[in-house]
PDB file of N, CA and C in Angstrom:
ATOM      1  N   MET A   1       5.653  -6.444  12.759  1.00  0.00           N
ATOM      2  CA  MET A   1       4.486  -6.089  13.536  1.00  0.00           C
ATOM      3  C   MET A   1       4.292  -4.583  13.621  1.00  0.00           C
ATOM      4  N   GLU A   2       5.165  -3.787  13.006  1.00  0.00           N
ATOM      5  CA  GLU A   2       5.046  -2.335  13.079  1.00  0.00           C
ATOM      6  C   GLU A   2       4.787  -1.711  11.708  1.00  0.00           C
ATOM      7  N   ILE A   3       4.074  -2.409  10.846  1.00  0.00           N
ATOM      8  CA  ILE A   3       3.775  -1.921   9.503  1.00  0.00           C
ATOM      9  C   ILE A   3       2.380  -1.301   9.514  1.00  0.00           C
ATOM     10  N   PRO A   4       2.270   0.038   9.406  1.00  0.00           N
ATOM     11  CA  PRO A   4       0.940   0.664   9.438  1.00  0.00           C
ATOM     12  C   PRO A   4       0.157   0.496   8.140  1.00  0.00           C
ATOM     13  N   SER A   5       0.856   0.471   6.999  1.00  0.00           N
ATOM     14  CA  SER A   5       0.198   0.246   5.714  1.00  0.00           C
ATOM     15  C   SER A   5       1.252  -0.208   4.716  1.00  0.00           C
ATOM     16  N   PHE A   6       0.784  -0.688   3.572  1.00  0.00           N
ATOM     17  CA  PHE A   6       1.669  -1.254   2.555  1.00  0.00           C
ATOM     18  C   PHE A   6       1.271  -0.662   1.213  1.00  0.00           C
ATOM     19  N   SER A   7       2.196   0.027   0.539  1.00  0.00           N
ATOM     20  CA  SER A   7       1.889   0.678  -0.736  1.00  0.00           C
ATOM     21  C   SER A   7       2.952   0.347  -1.774  1.00  0.00           C
ATOM     22  N   THR A   8       2.506   0.146  -3.000  1.00  0.00           N
ATOM     23  CA  THR A   8       3.430  -0.067  -4.114  1.00  0.00           C
ATOM     24  C   THR A   8       2.886   0.617  -5.362  1.00  0.00           C
ATOM     25  N   ASP A   9       3.709   0.613  -6.399  1.00  0.00           N
ATOM     26  CA  ASP A   9       3.274   1.194  -7.667  1.00  0.00           C
ATOM     27  C   ASP A   9       2.802   0.118  -8.645  1.00  0.00           C
ATOM     28  N   THR A  10       2.539  -1.083  -8.143  1.00  0.00           N
ATOM     29  CA  THR A  10       2.080  -2.177  -8.992  1.00  0.00           C
ATOM     30  C   THR A  10       0.578  -2.418  -8.795  1.00  0.00           C
ATOM     31  N   ILE A  11       0.014  -3.259  -9.638  1.00  0.00           N
ATOM     32  CA  ILE A  11      -1.428  -3.494  -9.607  1.00  0.00           C
ATOM     33  C   ILE A  11      -1.848  -4.351  -8.410  1.00  0.00           C
ATOM     34  N   ALA A  12      -1.132  -5.419  -8.098  1.00  0.00           N
ATOM     35  CA  ALA A  12      -1.584  -6.319  -7.032  1.00  0.00           C
ATOM     36  C   ALA A  12      -0.626  -6.381  -5.845  1.00  0.00           C
ATOM     37  N   ASN A  13       0.449  -5.625  -5.834  1.00  0.00           N
ATOM     38  CA  ASN A  13       1.443  -5.614  -4.754  1.00  0.00           C
ATOM     39  C   ASN A  13       2.251  -6.896  -4.636  1.00  0.00           C
ATOM     40  N   GLU A  14       2.012  -7.877  -5.474  1.00  0.00           N
ATOM     41  CA  GLU A  14       2.643  -9.180  -5.299  1.00  0.00           C
ATOM     42  C   GLU A  14       2.455 -10.028  -6.545  1.00  0.00           C
ATOM     43  N   GLN A  15       3.058 -11.217  -6.531  1.00  0.00           N
ATOM     44  CA  GLN A  15       2.766 -12.197  -7.571  1.00  0.00           C
ATOM     45  C   GLN A  15       1.302 -12.589  -7.446  1.00  0.00           C
ATOM     46  N   THR A  16       0.615 -12.723  -8.563  1.00  0.00           N
ATOM     47  CA  THR A  16      -0.787 -13.125  -8.497  1.00  0.00           C
ATOM     48  C   THR A  16      -0.930 -14.484  -7.824  1.00  0.00           C
ATOM     49  N   THR A  17      -0.133 -15.437  -8.236  1.00  0.00           N
ATOM     50  CA  THR A  17      -0.118 -16.760  -7.616  1.00  0.00           C
ATOM     51  C   THR A  17       1.303 -17.056  -7.166  1.00  0.00           C
ATOM     52  N   SER A  18       1.463 -17.448  -5.908  1.00  0.00           N
ATOM     53  CA  SER A  18       2.787 -17.738  -5.356  1.00  0.00           C
ATOM     54  C   SER A  18       3.441 -18.890  -6.100  1.00  0.00           C
ATOM     55  N   SER A  19       4.692 -18.698  -6.494  1.00  0.00           N
ATOM     56  CA  SER A  19       5.425 -19.770  -7.166  1.00  0.00           C
ATOM     57  C   SER A  19       5.894 -20.830  -6.172  1.00  0.00           C
ATOM     58  N   VAL A  20       5.809 -20.538  -4.872  1.00  0.00           N
ATOM     59  CA  VAL A  20       6.229 -21.485  -3.843  1.00  0.00           C
ATOM     60  C   VAL A  20       5.045 -22.311  -3.335  1.00  0.00           C
ATOM     61  N   SER A  21       3.961 -21.621  -2.929  1.00  0.00           N
ATOM     62  CA  SER A  21       2.832 -22.325  -2.308  1.00  0.00           C
ATOM     63  C   SER A  21       1.622 -22.484  -3.232  1.00  0.00           C
ATOM     64  N   ASN A  22       1.646 -21.815  -4.389  1.00  0.00           N
ATOM     65  CA  ASN A  22       0.538 -21.829  -5.343  1.00  0.00           C
ATOM     66  C   ASN A  22      -0.715 -21.147  -4.788  1.00  0.00           C
ATOM     67  N   VAL A  23      -0.566 -20.329  -3.729  1.00  0.00           N
ATOM     68  CA  VAL A  23      -1.673 -19.587  -3.127  1.00  0.00           C
ATOM     69  C   VAL A  23      -1.939 -18.339  -3.965  1.00  0.00           C
ATOM     70  N   PHE A  24      -3.212 -18.008  -4.200  1.00  0.00           N
ATOM     71  CA  PHE A  24      -3.606 -16.828  -4.949  1.00  0.00           C
ATOM     72  C   PHE A  24      -3.508 -15.602  -4.046  1.00  0.00           C
ATOM     73  N   LEU A  25      -2.783 -14.568  -4.474  1.00  0.00           N
ATOM     74  CA  LEU A  25      -2.555 -13.326  -3.733  1.00  0.00           C
ATOM     75  C   LEU A  25      -2.150 -13.584  -2.274  1.00  0.00           C
ATOM     76  N   PRO A  26      -0.990 -14.203  -2.048  1.00  0.00           N
ATOM     77  CA  PRO A  26      -0.594 -14.586  -0.695  1.00  0.00           C
ATOM     78  C   PRO A  26      -0.398 -13.412   0.274  1.00  0.00           C
ATOM     79  N   LEU A  27       0.102 -12.266  -0.199  1.00  0.00           N
ATOM     80  CA  LEU A  27       0.274 -11.126   0.700  1.00  0.00           C
ATOM     81  C   LEU A  27      -1.053 -10.564   1.173  1.00  0.00           C
ATOM     82  N   HIS A  28      -2.059 -10.603   0.316  1.00  0.00           N
ATOM     83  CA  HIS A  28      -3.376 -10.124   0.729  1.00  0.00           C
ATOM     84  C   HIS A  28      -3.879 -10.919   1.941  1.00  0.00           C
ATOM     85  N   GLY A  29      -3.734 -12.221   1.890  1.00  0.00           N
ATOM     86  CA  GLY A  29      -4.171 -13.053   3.007  1.00  0.00           C
ATOM     87  C   GLY A  29      -3.312 -12.858   4.245  1.00  0.00           C
ATOM     88  N   ALA A  30      -2.000 -12.870   4.061  1.00  0.00           N
ATOM     89  CA  ALA A  30      -1.090 -12.779   5.205  1.00  0.00           C
ATOM     90  C   ALA A  30      -1.135 -11.412   5.879  1.00  0.00           C
ATOM     91  N   LEU A  31      -1.115 -10.347   5.099  1.00  0.00           N
ATOM     92  CA  LEU A  31      -1.049  -9.002   5.684  1.00  0.00           C
ATOM     93  C   LEU A  31      -2.426  -8.387   5.920  1.00  0.00           C
ATOM     94  N   LEU A  32      -3.253  -8.346   4.910  1.00  0.00           N
ATOM     95  CA  LEU A  32      -4.557  -7.685   5.035  1.00  0.00           C
ATOM     96  C   LEU A  32      -5.515  -8.476   5.926  1.00  0.00           C
ATOM     97  N   ARG A  33      -5.708  -9.735   5.588  1.00  0.00           N
ATOM     98  CA  ARG A  33      -6.660 -10.545   6.361  1.00  0.00           C
ATOM     99  C   ARG A  33      -6.133 -10.894   7.753  1.00  0.00           C
ATOM    100  N   ASN A  34      -4.903 -11.397   7.840  1.00  0.00           N
ATOM    101  CA  ASN A  34      -4.388 -11.898   9.120  1.00  0.00           C
ATOM    102  C   ASN A  34      -3.935 -10.795  10.068  1.00  0.00           C
ATOM    103  N   LEU A  35      -3.347  -9.708   9.535  1.00  0.00           N
ATOM    104  CA  LEU A  35      -2.782  -8.669  10.394  1.00  0.00           C
ATOM    105  C   LEU A  35      -3.511  -7.328  10.313  1.00  0.00           C
ATOM    106  N   GLY A  36      -4.459  -7.197   9.394  1.00  0.00           N
ATOM    107  CA  GLY A  36      -5.219  -5.950   9.285  1.00  0.00           C
ATOM    108  C   GLY A  36      -4.432  -4.795   8.704  1.00  0.00           C
ATOM    109  N   ILE A  37      -3.399  -5.085   7.923  1.00  0.00           N
ATOM    110  CA  ILE A  37      -2.581  -4.037   7.317  1.00  0.00           C
ATOM    111  C   ILE A  37      -3.206  -3.632   5.982  1.00  0.00           C
ATOM    112  N   PRO A  38      -3.636  -2.367   5.843  1.00  0.00           N
ATOM    113  CA  PRO A  38      -4.274  -1.939   4.590  1.00  0.00           C
ATOM    114  C   PRO A  38      -3.267  -1.799   3.451  1.00  0.00           C
ATOM    115  N   PHE A  39      -3.744  -2.041   2.242  1.00  0.00           N
ATOM    116  CA  PHE A  39      -2.924  -1.940   1.027  1.00  0.00           C
ATOM    117  C   PHE A  39      -3.304  -0.700   0.233  1.00  0.00           C
ATOM    118  N   ASN A  40      -2.329  -0.138  -0.448  1.00  0.00           N
ATOM    119  CA  ASN A  40      -2.551   0.900  -1.451  1.00  0.00           C
ATOM    120  C   ASN A  40      -1.844   0.428  -2.707  1.00  0.00           C
ATOM    121  N   GLU A  41      -2.595   0.274  -3.762  1.00  0.00           N
ATOM    122  CA  GLU A  41      -2.041  -0.245  -5.007  1.00  0.00           C
ATOM    123  C   GLU A  41      -2.053   0.825  -6.089  1.00  0.00           C
ATOM    124  N   ILE A  42      -1.152   0.683  -7.038  1.00  0.00           N
ATOM    125  CA  ILE A  42      -1.018   1.573  -8.190  1.00  0.00           C
ATOM    126  C   ILE A  42      -0.757   3.018  -7.739  1.00  0.00           C
ATOM    127  N   CYS A  43       0.130   3.183  -6.763  1.00  0.00           N
ATOM    128  CA  CYS A  43       0.488   4.524  -6.271  1.00  0.00           C
ATOM    129  C   CYS A  43       1.570   5.131  -7.168  1.00  0.00           C
ATOM    130  N   TRP A  44       1.479   6.416  -7.399  1.00  0.00           N
ATOM    131  CA  TRP A  44       2.504   7.133  -8.148  1.00  0.00           C
ATOM    132  C   TRP A  44       3.578   7.547  -7.148  1.00  0.00           C
ATOM    133  N   LEU A  45       4.688   6.799  -7.114  1.00  0.00           N
ATOM    134  CA  LEU A  45       5.729   7.014  -6.114  1.00  0.00           C
ATOM    135  C   LEU A  45       6.958   7.722  -6.655  1.00  0.00           C
ATOM    136  N   LYS A  46       7.027   7.943  -7.969  1.00  0.00           N
ATOM    137  CA  LYS A  46       8.216   8.537  -8.581  1.00  0.00           C
ATOM    138  C   LYS A  46       8.501   9.940  -8.040  1.00  0.00           C
ATOM    139  N   ASP A  47       7.480  10.787  -7.955  1.00  0.00           N
ATOM    140  CA  ASP A  47       7.700  12.151  -7.465  1.00  0.00           C
ATOM    141  C   ASP A  47       8.149  12.157  -6.006  1.00  0.00           C
ATOM    142  N   LEU A  48       7.569  11.287  -5.192  1.00  0.00           N
ATOM    143  CA  LEU A  48       7.964  11.188  -3.785  1.00  0.00           C
ATOM    144  C   LEU A  48       9.405  10.707  -3.673  1.00  0.00           C
ATOM    145  N   ALA A  49       9.792   9.715  -4.468  1.00  0.00           N
ATOM    146  CA  ALA A  49      11.160   9.200  -4.437  1.00  0.00           C
ATOM    147  C   ALA A  49      12.162  10.270  -4.869  1.00  0.00           C
ATOM    148  N   GLU A  50      11.835  11.009  -5.912  1.00  0.00           N
ATOM    149  CA  GLU A  50      12.733  12.071  -6.384  1.00  0.00           C
ATOM    150  C   GLU A  50      12.868  13.188  -5.352  1.00  0.00           C
ATOM    151  N   ASP A  51      11.757  13.580  -4.740  1.00  0.00           N
ATOM    152  CA  ASP A  51      11.800  14.631  -3.733  1.00  0.00           C
ATOM    153  C   ASP A  51      12.575  14.175  -2.503  1.00  0.00           C
ATOM    154  N   SER A  52      12.390  12.937  -2.099  1.00  0.00           N
ATOM    155  CA  SER A  52      13.107  12.412  -0.941  1.00  0.00           C
ATOM    156  C   SER A  52      14.608  12.325  -1.218  1.00  0.00           C
ATOM    157  N   ALA A  53      14.983  11.926  -2.421  1.00  0.00           N
ATOM    158  CA  ALA A  53      16.401  11.872  -2.777  1.00  0.00           C
ATOM    159  C   ALA A  53      17.014  13.271  -2.793  1.00  0.00           C
ATOM    160  N   LYS A  54      16.226  14.244  -3.209  1.00  0.00           N
ATOM    161  CA  LYS A  54      16.717  15.624  -3.298  1.00  0.00           C
ATOM    162  C   LYS A  54      16.983  16.225  -1.916  1.00  0.00           C
ATOM    163  N   ASP A  55      16.064  16.037  -0.978  1.00  0.00           N
ATOM    164  CA  ASP A  55      16.237  16.678   0.331  1.00  0.00           C
ATOM    165  C   ASP A  55      16.733  15.718   1.421  1.00  0.00           C
ATOM    166  N   GLY A  56      16.897  14.426   1.096  1.00  0.00           N
ATOM    167  CA  GLY A  56      17.402  13.459   2.058  1.00  0.00           C
ATOM    168  C   GLY A  56      16.409  13.102   3.158  1.00  0.00           C
ATOM    169  N   GLN A  57      15.174  13.526   3.012  1.00  0.00           N
ATOM    170  CA  GLN A  57      14.131  13.257   4.012  1.00  0.00           C
ATOM    171  C   GLN A  57      13.251  12.111   3.515  1.00  0.00           C
ATOM    172  N   TYR A  58      13.403  10.939   4.121  1.00  0.00           N
ATOM    173  CA  TYR A  58      12.657   9.761   3.692  1.00  0.00           C
ATOM    174  C   TYR A  58      11.534   9.394   4.650  1.00  0.00           C
ATOM    175  N   ASP A  59      11.424  10.096   5.764  1.00  0.00           N
ATOM    176  CA  ASP A  59      10.333   9.864   6.710  1.00  0.00           C
ATOM    177  C   ASP A  59       9.199  10.824   6.399  1.00  0.00           C
ATOM    178  N   PHE A  60       7.974  10.341   6.450  1.00  0.00           N
ATOM    179  CA  PHE A  60       6.823  11.195   6.186  1.00  0.00           C
ATOM    180  C   PHE A  60       5.576  10.573   6.792  1.00  0.00           C
ATOM    181  N   LEU A  61       4.564  11.390   6.953  1.00  0.00           N
ATOM    182  CA  LEU A  61       3.253  10.926   7.394  1.00  0.00           C
ATOM    183  C   LEU A  61       2.426  10.642   6.145  1.00  0.00           C
ATOM    184  N   PHE A  62       1.950   9.425   6.020  1.00  0.00           N
ATOM    185  CA  PHE A  62       1.088   9.073   4.901  1.00  0.00           C
ATOM    186  C   PHE A  62      -0.360   9.241   5.330  1.00  0.00           C
ATOM    187  N   VAL A  63      -1.119   9.976   4.539  1.00  0.00           N
ATOM    188  CA  VAL A  63      -2.542  10.171   4.800  1.00  0.00           C
ATOM    189  C   VAL A  63      -3.298   9.786   3.534  1.00  0.00           C
ATOM    190  N   GLY A  64      -4.261   8.894   3.670  1.00  0.00           N
ATOM    191  CA  GLY A  64      -5.043   8.465   2.518  1.00  0.00           C
ATOM    192  C   GLY A  64      -6.403   7.953   2.952  1.00  0.00           C
ATOM    193  N   ALA A  65      -7.336   8.844   3.150  1.00  0.00           N
ATOM    194  CA  ALA A  65      -8.665   8.454   3.624  1.00  0.00           C
ATOM    195  C   ALA A  65      -9.492   7.837   2.491  1.00  0.00           C
ATOM    196  N   PRO A  66     -10.092   6.666   2.737  1.00  0.00           N
ATOM    197  CA  PRO A  66     -10.943   6.045   1.728  1.00  0.00           C
ATOM    198  C   PRO A  66     -12.333   6.687   1.693  1.00  0.00           C
ATOM    199  N   LEU A  67     -13.069   6.404   0.646  1.00  0.00           N
ATOM    200  CA  LEU A  67     -14.462   6.827   0.583  1.00  0.00           C
ATOM    201  C   LEU A  67     -15.263   6.068   1.634  1.00  0.00           C
ATOM    202  N   LYS A  68     -16.284   6.678   2.171  1.00  0.00           N
ATOM    203  CA  LYS A  68     -17.123   6.007   3.166  1.00  0.00           C
ATOM    204  C   LYS A  68     -18.179   5.179   2.436  1.00  0.00           C
ATOM    205  N   ILE A  69     -17.913   3.894   2.294  1.00  0.00           N
ATOM    206  CA  ILE A  69     -18.818   2.976   1.622  1.00  0.00           C
ATOM    207  C   ILE A  69     -19.159   1.865   2.609  1.00  0.00           C
ATOM    208  N   VAL A  70     -20.407   1.788   3.040  1.00  0.00           N
ATOM    209  CA  VAL A  70     -20.825   0.779   3.999  1.00  0.00           C
ATOM    210  C   VAL A  70     -20.648  -0.606   3.388  1.00  0.00           C
ATOM    211  N   GLY A  71     -19.907  -1.456   4.083  1.00  0.00           N
ATOM    212  CA  GLY A  71     -19.688  -2.817   3.615  1.00  0.00           C
ATOM    213  C   GLY A  71     -18.654  -2.935   2.512  1.00  0.00           C
ATOM    214  N   GLY A  72     -18.006  -1.828   2.151  1.00  0.00           N
ATOM    215  CA  GLY A  72     -17.013  -1.851   1.082  1.00  0.00           C
ATOM    216  C   GLY A  72     -15.732  -2.549   1.496  1.00  0.00           C
ATOM    217  N   THR A  73     -15.058  -3.139   0.523  1.00  0.00           N
ATOM    218  CA  THR A  73     -13.787  -3.802   0.802  1.00  0.00           C
ATOM    219  C   THR A  73     -12.623  -3.113   0.102  1.00  0.00           C
ATOM    220  N   GLY A  74     -12.887  -2.050  -0.609  1.00  0.00           N
ATOM    221  CA  GLY A  74     -11.844  -1.298  -1.288  1.00  0.00           C
ATOM    222  C   GLY A  74     -12.380   0.046  -1.723  1.00  0.00           C
ATOM    223  N   SER A  75     -11.477   1.008  -1.899  1.00  0.00           N
ATOM    224  CA  SER A  75     -11.906   2.348  -2.257  1.00  0.00           C
ATOM    225  C   SER A  75     -10.726   3.128  -2.810  1.00  0.00           C
ATOM    226  N   PRO A  76     -10.974   4.045  -3.735  1.00  0.00           N
ATOM    227  CA  PRO A  76      -9.901   4.955  -4.147  1.00  0.00           C
ATOM    228  C   PRO A  76      -9.604   5.931  -3.011  1.00  0.00           C
ATOM    229  N   VAL A  77      -8.375   6.413  -2.945  1.00  0.00           N
ATOM    230  CA  VAL A  77      -7.981   7.391  -1.931  1.00  0.00           C
ATOM    231  C   VAL A  77      -7.279   8.561  -2.624  1.00  0.00           C
ATOM    232  N   ASN A  78      -7.161   9.654  -1.907  1.00  0.00           N
ATOM    233  CA  ASN A  78      -6.374  10.787  -2.357  1.00  0.00           C
ATOM    234  C   ASN A  78      -5.169  10.872  -1.420  1.00  0.00           C
ATOM    235  N   PRO A  79      -4.095  10.123  -1.720  1.00  0.00           N
ATOM    236  CA  PRO A  79      -2.989  10.016  -0.797  1.00  0.00           C
ATOM    237  C   PRO A  79      -2.126  11.273  -0.721  1.00  0.00           C
ATOM    238  N   LEU A  80      -1.635  11.559   0.490  1.00  0.00           N
ATOM    239  CA  LEU A  80      -0.713  12.661   0.724  1.00  0.00           C
ATOM    240  C   LEU A  80       0.466  12.158   1.537  1.00  0.00           C
ATOM    241  N   ALA A  81       1.661  12.604   1.191  1.00  0.00           N
ATOM    242  CA  ALA A  81       2.862  12.330   1.980  1.00  0.00           C
ATOM    243  C   ALA A  81       3.293  13.663   2.568  1.00  0.00           C
ATOM    244  N   ILE A  82       3.172  13.800   3.882  1.00  0.00           N
ATOM    245  CA  ILE A  82       3.480  15.057   4.561  1.00  0.00           C
ATOM    246  C   ILE A  82       4.826  14.906   5.245  1.00  0.00           C
ATOM    247  N   LYS A  83       5.788  15.713   4.809  1.00  0.00           N
ATOM    248  CA  LYS A  83       7.138  15.668   5.398  1.00  0.00           C
ATOM    249  C   LYS A  83       7.245  16.668   6.519  1.00  0.00           C
TER     250      LYS A  83
END
């Protein structure tokens, strides 16, 4: 219940179809629709992981404002990790 956002370096953040329930994009429904947790997909996380390993600082403020599109359901962002 304390997840502000969900980001991965993959295209859909999950299996396209659940091998257990056969539901299409199950995390999208469970997290985005049911809990209002926004997703960020196809993030370049390698540089952040390397920098965090180097300085031992794994906590950061994630900032990623979407484009203002009325009625939009998705948007590109310019993400920043502020340590």
